Amino acid sequence: MAAGLAAELQESFPNADITYEPGPKKSEFAVTVDGAVVFSRLVRKRYPEEGEIVSLCKGF
């Protein structure tokens, strides 16, 4: 999931610096843009749908 999401973000935002930092548990992750959390699996209690993260990031 992480590799696919990173690839999707890099394709949509070629100048972005994409990094992956795992949470304490394997299923925990959050996506931030300029320090603001745009998606947190722990908060939403689900995984993102295809294209959802890119759509949320375009709002920044």
PDB file of N, CA and C in Angstrom:
ATOM      1  N   MET A   1       0.824  -1.197   0.000  1.00  0.00           N
ATOM      2  CA  MET A   1       0.000   0.000   0.000  1.00  0.00           C
ATOM      3  C   MET A   1       0.861   1.251   0.000  1.00  0.00           C
ATOM      4  N   ALA A   2       1.858   1.303   0.872  1.00  0.00           N
ATOM      5  CA  ALA A   2       2.686   2.510   0.989  1.00  0.00           C
ATOM      6  C   ALA A   2       3.429   2.800  -0.304  1.00  0.00           C
ATOM      7  N   ALA A   3       3.982   1.775  -0.931  1.00  0.00           N
ATOM      8  CA  ALA A   3       4.732   1.982  -2.171  1.00  0.00           C
ATOM      9  C   ALA A   3       3.807   2.473  -3.281  1.00  0.00           C
ATOM     10  N   GLY A   4       2.618   1.910  -3.366  1.00  0.00           N
ATOM     11  CA  GLY A   4       1.656   2.334  -4.381  1.00  0.00           C
ATOM     12  C   GLY A   4       1.181   3.753  -4.156  1.00  0.00           C
ATOM     13  N   LEU A   5       0.953   4.112  -2.906  1.00  0.00           N
ATOM     14  CA  LEU A   5       0.524   5.465  -2.576  1.00  0.00           C
ATOM     15  C   LEU A   5       1.632   6.456  -2.875  1.00  0.00           C
ATOM     16  N   ALA A   6       2.863   6.113  -2.521  1.00  0.00           N
ATOM     17  CA  ALA A   6       4.000   6.998  -2.811  1.00  0.00           C
ATOM     18  C   ALA A   6       4.145   7.208  -4.314  1.00  0.00           C
ATOM     19  N   ALA A   7       3.985   6.160  -5.096  1.00  0.00           N
ATOM     20  CA  ALA A   7       4.085   6.266  -6.549  1.00  0.00           C
ATOM     21  C   ALA A   7       2.966   7.143  -7.109  1.00  0.00           C
ATOM     22  N   GLU A   8       1.754   6.979  -6.594  1.00  0.00           N
ATOM     23  CA  GLU A   8       0.611   7.782  -7.037  1.00  0.00           C
ATOM     24  C   GLU A   8       0.846   9.263  -6.717  1.00  0.00           C
ATOM     25  N   LEU A   9       1.361   9.546  -5.535  1.00  0.00           N
ATOM     26  CA  LEU A   9       1.628  10.935  -5.155  1.00  0.00           C
ATOM     27  C   LEU A   9       2.764  11.524  -5.983  1.00  0.00           C
ATOM     28  N   GLN A  10       3.821  10.746  -6.215  1.00  0.00           N
ATOM     29  CA  GLN A  10       4.951  11.248  -6.996  1.00  0.00           C
ATOM     30  C   GLN A  10       4.534  11.537  -8.431  1.00  0.00           C
ATOM     31  N   GLU A  11       3.660  10.712  -8.986  1.00  0.00           N
ATOM     32  CA  GLU A  11       3.167  10.932 -10.347  1.00  0.00           C
ATOM     33  C   GLU A  11       2.317  12.200 -10.421  1.00  0.00           C
ATOM     34  N   SER A  12       1.499  12.426  -9.410  1.00  0.00           N
ATOM     35  CA  SER A  12       0.613  13.594  -9.400  1.00  0.00           C
ATOM     36  C   SER A  12       1.328  14.878  -9.000  1.00  0.00           C
ATOM     37  N   PHE A  13       2.379  14.740  -8.191  1.00  0.00           N
ATOM     38  CA  PHE A  13       3.132  15.893  -7.692  1.00  0.00           C
ATOM     39  C   PHE A  13       4.622  15.631  -7.894  1.00  0.00           C
ATOM     40  N   PRO A  14       5.112  15.728  -9.139  1.00  0.00           N
ATOM     41  CA  PRO A  14       6.493  15.341  -9.446  1.00  0.00           C
ATOM     42  C   PRO A  14       7.560  16.137  -8.688  1.00  0.00           C
ATOM     43  N   ASN A  15       7.258  17.320  -8.242  1.00  0.00           N
ATOM     44  CA  ASN A  15       8.249  18.132  -7.522  1.00  0.00           C
ATOM     45  C   ASN A  15       8.175  17.952  -6.006  1.00  0.00           C
ATOM     46  N   ALA A  16       7.282  17.100  -5.546  1.00  0.00           N
ATOM     47  CA  ALA A  16       7.106  16.881  -4.101  1.00  0.00           C
ATOM     48  C   ALA A  16       8.193  15.962  -3.555  1.00  0.00           C
ATOM     49  N   ASP A  17       8.534  16.164  -2.310  1.00  0.00           N
ATOM     50  CA  ASP A  17       9.461  15.290  -1.599  1.00  0.00           C
ATOM     51  C   ASP A  17       8.616  14.286  -0.837  1.00  0.00           C
ATOM     52  N   ILE A  18       8.539  13.052  -1.313  1.00  0.00           N
ATOM     53  CA  ILE A  18       7.697  12.012  -0.728  1.00  0.00           C
ATOM     54  C   ILE A  18       8.557  11.155   0.200  1.00  0.00           C
ATOM     55  N   THR A  19       8.154  11.063   1.463  1.00  0.00           N
ATOM     56  CA  THR A  19       8.852  10.199   2.407  1.00  0.00           C
ATOM     57  C   THR A  19       7.841   9.300   3.096  1.00  0.00           C
ATOM     58  N   TYR A  20       8.329   8.189   3.600  1.00  0.00           N
ATOM     59  CA  TYR A  20       7.482   7.216   4.288  1.00  0.00           C
ATOM     60  C   TYR A  20       8.027   7.012   5.693  1.00  0.00           C
ATOM     61  N   GLU A  21       7.186   7.247   6.685  1.00  0.00           N
ATOM     62  CA  GLU A  21       7.558   7.022   8.076  1.00  0.00           C
ATOM     63  C   GLU A  21       6.499   6.130   8.708  1.00  0.00           C
ATOM     64  N   PRO A  22       6.840   4.874   8.989  1.00  0.00           N
ATOM     65  CA  PRO A  22       5.851   3.967   9.568  1.00  0.00           C
ATOM     66  C   PRO A  22       5.475   4.367  10.987  1.00  0.00           C
ATOM     67  N   GLY A  23       4.236   4.065  11.349  1.00  0.00           N
ATOM     68  CA  GLY A  23       3.760   4.317  12.704  1.00  0.00           C
ATOM     69  C   GLY A  23       4.160   3.178  13.617  1.00  0.00           C
ATOM     70  N   PRO A  24       3.763   3.261  14.894  1.00  0.00           N
ATOM     71  CA  PRO A  24       4.104   2.205  15.850  1.00  0.00           C
ATOM     72  C   PRO A  24       3.566   0.828  15.448  1.00  0.00           C
ATOM     73  N   LYS A  25       2.429   0.809  14.806  1.00  0.00           N
ATOM     74  CA  LYS A  25       1.855  -0.445  14.312  1.00  0.00           C
ATOM     75  C   LYS A  25       1.871  -0.396  12.796  1.00  0.00           C
ATOM     76  N   LYS A  26       1.953  -1.555  12.172  1.00  0.00           N
ATOM     77  CA  LYS A  26       2.077  -1.641  10.718  1.00  0.00           C
ATOM     78  C   LYS A  26       0.943  -0.928   9.987  1.00  0.00           C
ATOM     79  N   SER A  27      -0.262  -0.954  10.526  1.00  0.00           N
ATOM     80  CA  SER A  27      -1.417  -0.394   9.825  1.00  0.00           C
ATOM     81  C   SER A  27      -1.634   1.094  10.100  1.00  0.00           C
ATOM     82  N   GLU A  28      -0.782   1.714  10.908  1.00  0.00           N
ATOM     83  CA  GLU A  28      -0.951   3.123  11.235  1.00  0.00           C
ATOM     84  C   GLU A  28      -0.180   3.989  10.246  1.00  0.00           C
ATOM     85  N   PHE A  29      -0.840   4.997   9.697  1.00  0.00           N
ATOM     86  CA  PHE A  29      -0.132   5.959   8.882  1.00  0.00           C
ATOM     87  C   PHE A  29      -0.949   7.228   8.744  1.00  0.00           C
ATOM     88  N   ALA A  30      -0.241   8.295   8.408  1.00  0.00           N
ATOM     89  CA  ALA A  30      -0.878   9.582   8.153  1.00  0.00           C
ATOM     90  C   ALA A  30      -0.158  10.236   6.989  1.00  0.00           C
ATOM     91  N   VAL A  31      -0.862  11.027   6.235  1.00  0.00           N
ATOM     92  CA  VAL A  31      -0.276  11.790   5.132  1.00  0.00           C
ATOM     93  C   VAL A  31      -0.354  13.253   5.514  1.00  0.00           C
ATOM     94  N   THR A  32       0.781  13.937   5.439  1.00  0.00           N
ATOM     95  CA  THR A  32       0.822  15.357   5.772  1.00  0.00           C
ATOM     96  C   THR A  32       1.305  16.163   4.576  1.00  0.00           C
ATOM     97  N   VAL A  33       0.834  17.386   4.488  1.00  0.00           N
ATOM     98  CA  VAL A  33       1.280  18.340   3.477  1.00  0.00           C
ATOM     99  C   VAL A  33       1.660  19.610   4.215  1.00  0.00           C
ATOM    100  N   ASP A  34       2.907  19.996   4.094  1.00  0.00           N
ATOM    101  CA  ASP A  34       3.416  21.188   4.787  1.00  0.00           C
ATOM    102  C   ASP A  34       3.073  21.171   6.271  1.00  0.00           C
ATOM    103  N   GLY A  35       3.179  20.004   6.885  1.00  0.00           N
ATOM    104  CA  GLY A  35       2.938  19.869   8.316  1.00  0.00           C
ATOM    105  C   GLY A  35       1.493  19.658   8.729  1.00  0.00           C
ATOM    106  N   ALA A  36       0.562  19.779   7.809  1.00  0.00           N
ATOM    107  CA  ALA A  36      -0.861  19.582   8.113  1.00  0.00           C
ATOM    108  C   ALA A  36      -1.286  18.162   7.721  1.00  0.00           C
ATOM    109  N   VAL A  37      -1.959  17.472   8.621  1.00  0.00           N
ATOM    110  CA  VAL A  37      -2.427  16.115   8.339  1.00  0.00           C
ATOM    111  C   VAL A  37      -3.628  16.193   7.401  1.00  0.00           C
ATOM    112  N   VAL A  38      -3.515  15.549   6.235  1.00  0.00           N
ATOM    113  CA  VAL A  38      -4.634  15.525   5.286  1.00  0.00           C
ATOM    114  C   VAL A  38      -5.387  14.196   5.342  1.00  0.00           C
ATOM    115  N   PHE A  39      -4.719  13.144   5.849  1.00  0.00           N
ATOM    116  CA  PHE A  39      -5.393  11.857   6.014  1.00  0.00           C
ATOM    117  C   PHE A  39      -4.697  11.087   7.118  1.00  0.00           C
ATOM    118  N   SER A  40      -5.466  10.549   8.044  1.00  0.00           N
ATOM    119  CA  SER A  40      -4.945   9.689   9.102  1.00  0.00           C
ATOM    120  C   SER A  40      -5.804   8.433   9.160  1.00  0.00           C
ATOM    121  N   ARG A  41      -5.155   7.285   9.016  1.00  0.00           N
ATOM    122  CA  ARG A  41      -5.897   6.034   9.089  1.00  0.00           C
ATOM    123  C   ARG A  41      -6.470   5.825  10.481  1.00  0.00           C
ATOM    124  N   LEU A  42      -5.772   6.280  11.505  1.00  0.00           N
ATOM    125  CA  LEU A  42      -6.277   6.124  12.867  1.00  0.00           C
ATOM    126  C   LEU A  42      -7.497   6.985  13.124  1.00  0.00           C
ATOM    127  N   VAL A  43      -7.503   8.192  12.601  1.00  0.00           N
ATOM    128  CA  VAL A  43      -8.643   9.091  12.804  1.00  0.00           C
ATOM    129  C   VAL A  43      -9.855   8.606  12.015  1.00  0.00           C
ATOM    130  N   ARG A  44      -9.630   8.257  10.752  1.00  0.00           N
ATOM    131  CA  ARG A  44     -10.756   7.846   9.892  1.00  0.00           C
ATOM    132  C   ARG A  44     -11.148   6.393  10.056  1.00  0.00           C
ATOM    133  N   LYS A  45     -10.290   5.618  10.709  1.00  0.00           N
ATOM    134  CA  LYS A  45     -10.551   4.191  10.978  1.00  0.00           C
ATOM    135  C   LYS A  45     -10.819   3.392   9.704  1.00  0.00           C
ATOM    136  N   ARG A  46     -10.090   3.766   8.654  1.00  0.00           N
ATOM    137  CA  ARG A  46     -10.188   3.053   7.370  1.00  0.00           C
ATOM    138  C   ARG A  46      -8.987   3.417   6.514  1.00  0.00           C
ATOM    139  N   TYR A  47      -8.805   2.631   5.466  1.00  0.00           N
ATOM    140  CA  TYR A  47      -7.767   2.946   4.494  1.00  0.00           C
ATOM    141  C   TYR A  47      -8.357   3.890   3.449  1.00  0.00           C
ATOM    142  N   PRO A  48      -7.515   4.685   2.803  1.00  0.00           N
ATOM    143  CA  PRO A  48      -8.031   5.610   1.790  1.00  0.00           C
ATOM    144  C   PRO A  48      -8.488   4.868   0.541  1.00  0.00           C
ATOM    145  N   GLU A  49      -9.446   5.443  -0.134  1.00  0.00           N
ATOM    146  CA  GLU A  49      -9.894   4.903  -1.409  1.00  0.00           C
ATOM    147  C   GLU A  49      -8.912   5.354  -2.490  1.00  0.00           C
ATOM    148  N   GLU A  50      -8.911   4.663  -3.604  1.00  0.00           N
ATOM    149  CA  GLU A  50      -8.001   5.011  -4.699  1.00  0.00           C
ATOM    150  C   GLU A  50      -8.232   6.458  -5.131  1.00  0.00           C
ATOM    151  N   GLY A  51      -7.167   7.214  -5.205  1.00  0.00           N
ATOM    152  CA  GLY A  51      -7.242   8.615  -5.627  1.00  0.00           C
ATOM    153  C   GLY A  51      -7.620   9.595  -4.538  1.00  0.00           C
ATOM    154  N   GLU A  52      -8.050   9.110  -3.380  1.00  0.00           N
ATOM    155  CA  GLU A  52      -8.516   9.985  -2.310  1.00  0.00           C
ATOM    156  C   GLU A  52      -7.402  10.890  -1.768  1.00  0.00           C
ATOM    157  N   ILE A  53      -6.231  10.321  -1.539  1.00  0.00           N
ATOM    158  CA  ILE A  53      -5.113  11.107  -0.983  1.00  0.00           C
ATOM    159  C   ILE A  53      -4.695  12.198  -1.964  1.00  0.00           C
ATOM    160  N   VAL A  54      -4.581  11.862  -3.227  1.00  0.00           N
ATOM    161  CA  VAL A  54      -4.207  12.859  -4.244  1.00  0.00           C
ATOM    162  C   VAL A  54      -5.231  13.969  -4.272  1.00  0.00           C
ATOM    163  N   SER A  55      -6.497  13.627  -4.227  1.00  0.00           N
ATOM    164  CA  SER A  55      -7.561  14.634  -4.230  1.00  0.00           C
ATOM    165  C   SER A  55      -7.456  15.561  -3.008  1.00  0.00           C
ATOM    166  N   LEU A  56      -7.198  14.982  -1.841  1.00  0.00           N
ATOM    167  CA  LEU A  56      -7.068  15.782  -0.628  1.00  0.00           C
ATOM    168  C   LEU A  56      -5.839  16.686  -0.707  1.00  0.00           C
ATOM    169  N   CYS A  57      -4.749  16.177  -1.252  1.00  0.00           N
ATOM    170  CA  CYS A  57      -3.510  16.968  -1.349  1.00  0.00           C
ATOM    171  C   CYS A  57      -3.653  18.124  -2.324  1.00  0.00           C
ATOM    172  N   LYS A  58      -4.471  17.973  -3.342  1.00  0.00           N
ATOM    173  CA  LYS A  58      -4.667  19.050  -4.315  1.00  0.00           C
ATOM    174  C   LYS A  58      -5.353  20.254  -3.686  1.00  0.00           C
ATOM    175  N   GLY A  59      -5.986  20.061  -2.539  1.00  0.00           N
ATOM    176  CA  GLY A  59      -6.641  21.153  -1.827  1.00  0.00           C
ATOM    177  C   GLY A  59      -5.670  22.072  -1.103  1.00  0.00           C
ATOM    178  N   PHE A  60      -4.387  21.674  -1.065  1.00  0.00           N
ATOM    179  CA  PHE A  60      -3.379  22.486  -0.366  1.00  0.00           C
ATOM    180  C   PHE A  60      -2.580  23.316  -1.321  1.00  0.00           C
TER     181      PHE A  60
END
